[in-house]
Each structure stands twice: as structure tokens, then as C-alpha cells.
Amino acid sequence: MAISIDVIIARFGVSCLARISGVKPPSVIGWRYRGRIPSKRIPQIIEAAKRLDPPVHLKPNDFFQLEDVE
């Protein structure tokens, strides 16, 4: 199950998420608008989440909604 981008932004905050991702805050707001975080930014966010107090253990799968394939 994918974690909502709103949950990730709420936990980090727009400015903090922008700083750890190496982008400006309007880019993070754009992610919220589009409903996804660019895949090249995900490793940075996962690493930063480990350093939170308390740590948050995210995995790449947390960022993607996987569809059931039949």
C-alpha cells in the first residue's frame, strides 16, 4: 500500500522535504498537486526518514500504488 504524499509532506513539512530532496518548496507543492514524488527523490527521503526522532522506516514500495494483476 502506498503512503499518501500528504502524509509524507505532513511528517516532514514542505521546507524540510524540499531541503532534503535538493529542490525548492514550490517543487514539493507540485508533487502534492500531481500526487506523486519523483522516483529520483525517493532514496533521499527514505534516508532522511531514518534520521527522524522517532525514525520512520520507509521502503521504495511505500511510494508506489501497485495494481493487482490477474
Protein backbone atom coordinates (compact mmCIF):
# COMPACT_ATOMS: atom_id res chain seq x y z
CA MET A 1 0.00 0.00 0.00
CA ALA A 2 1.40 3.38 -0.99
CA ILE A 3 1.71 6.11 1.62
CA SER A 4 -0.12 9.28 0.67
CA ILE A 5 2.11 12.14 -0.38
CA ASP A 6 0.08 14.28 2.03
CA VAL A 7 1.21 12.04 4.91
CA ILE A 8 4.86 12.34 3.87
CA ILE A 9 4.61 16.11 3.49
CA ALA A 10 2.83 16.39 6.84
CA ARG A 11 5.57 14.39 8.58
CA PHE A 12 8.49 16.33 7.09
CA GLY A 13 6.95 19.68 6.18
CA VAL A 14 7.28 21.31 2.77
CA SER A 15 10.50 23.21 3.52
CA CYS A 16 12.27 20.26 5.13
CA LEU A 17 11.23 17.87 2.36
CA ALA A 18 12.46 20.36 -0.23
CA ARG A 19 15.80 20.76 1.57
CA ILE A 20 16.50 17.00 1.88
CA SER A 21 15.41 16.45 -1.73
CA GLY A 22 17.56 19.27 -3.11
CA VAL A 23 14.63 21.18 -4.61
CA LYS A 24 12.75 24.40 -3.85
CA PRO A 25 9.47 24.31 -1.85
CA PRO A 26 7.29 25.04 -4.91
CA SER A 27 8.51 21.74 -6.38
CA VAL A 28 7.25 19.85 -3.32
CA ILE A 29 3.92 21.63 -3.61
CA GLY A 30 3.85 20.48 -7.24
CA TRP A 31 4.40 16.89 -6.09
CA ARG A 32 1.35 17.21 -3.88
CA TYR A 33 -0.67 18.62 -6.77
CA ARG A 34 0.41 15.78 -9.07
CA GLY A 35 0.01 13.19 -6.33
CA ARG A 36 3.46 11.66 -6.61
CA ILE A 37 7.09 12.14 -5.67
CA PRO A 38 9.63 11.82 -8.49
CA SER A 39 11.38 8.46 -8.25
CA LYS A 40 14.86 10.03 -8.23
CA ARG A 41 13.98 11.83 -4.96
CA ILE A 42 12.72 8.74 -3.11
CA PRO A 43 16.12 7.43 -1.88
CA GLN A 44 16.89 10.81 -0.26
CA ILE A 45 13.53 10.81 1.51
CA ILE A 46 13.97 7.22 2.72
CA GLU A 47 17.38 8.05 4.21
CA ALA A 48 16.10 11.24 5.86
CA ALA A 49 13.16 9.35 7.37
CA LYS A 50 15.59 7.00 9.14
CA ARG A 51 17.13 10.02 10.91
CA LEU A 52 13.84 11.33 12.29
CA ASP A 53 13.13 11.01 16.00
CA PRO A 54 11.50 8.53 16.19
CA PRO A 55 12.78 7.00 12.95
CA VAL A 56 10.34 6.23 10.15
CA HIS A 57 11.20 3.12 8.16
CA LEU A 58 10.07 3.70 4.58
CA LYS A 59 10.63 1.35 1.67
CA PRO A 60 10.51 2.14 -2.06
CA ASN A 61 7.22 0.22 -2.31
CA ASP A 62 5.67 2.74 0.09
CA PHE A 63 5.80 5.32 -2.70
CA PHE A 64 4.03 3.32 -5.40
CA GLN A 65 0.49 2.03 -5.70
CA LEU A 66 0.77 -1.48 -7.06
CA GLU A 67 -2.20 -2.71 -9.04
CA ASP A 68 -3.45 -6.26 -8.75
CA VAL A 69 -2.51 -8.16 -11.86
CA GLU A 70 -4.68 -11.08 -12.90
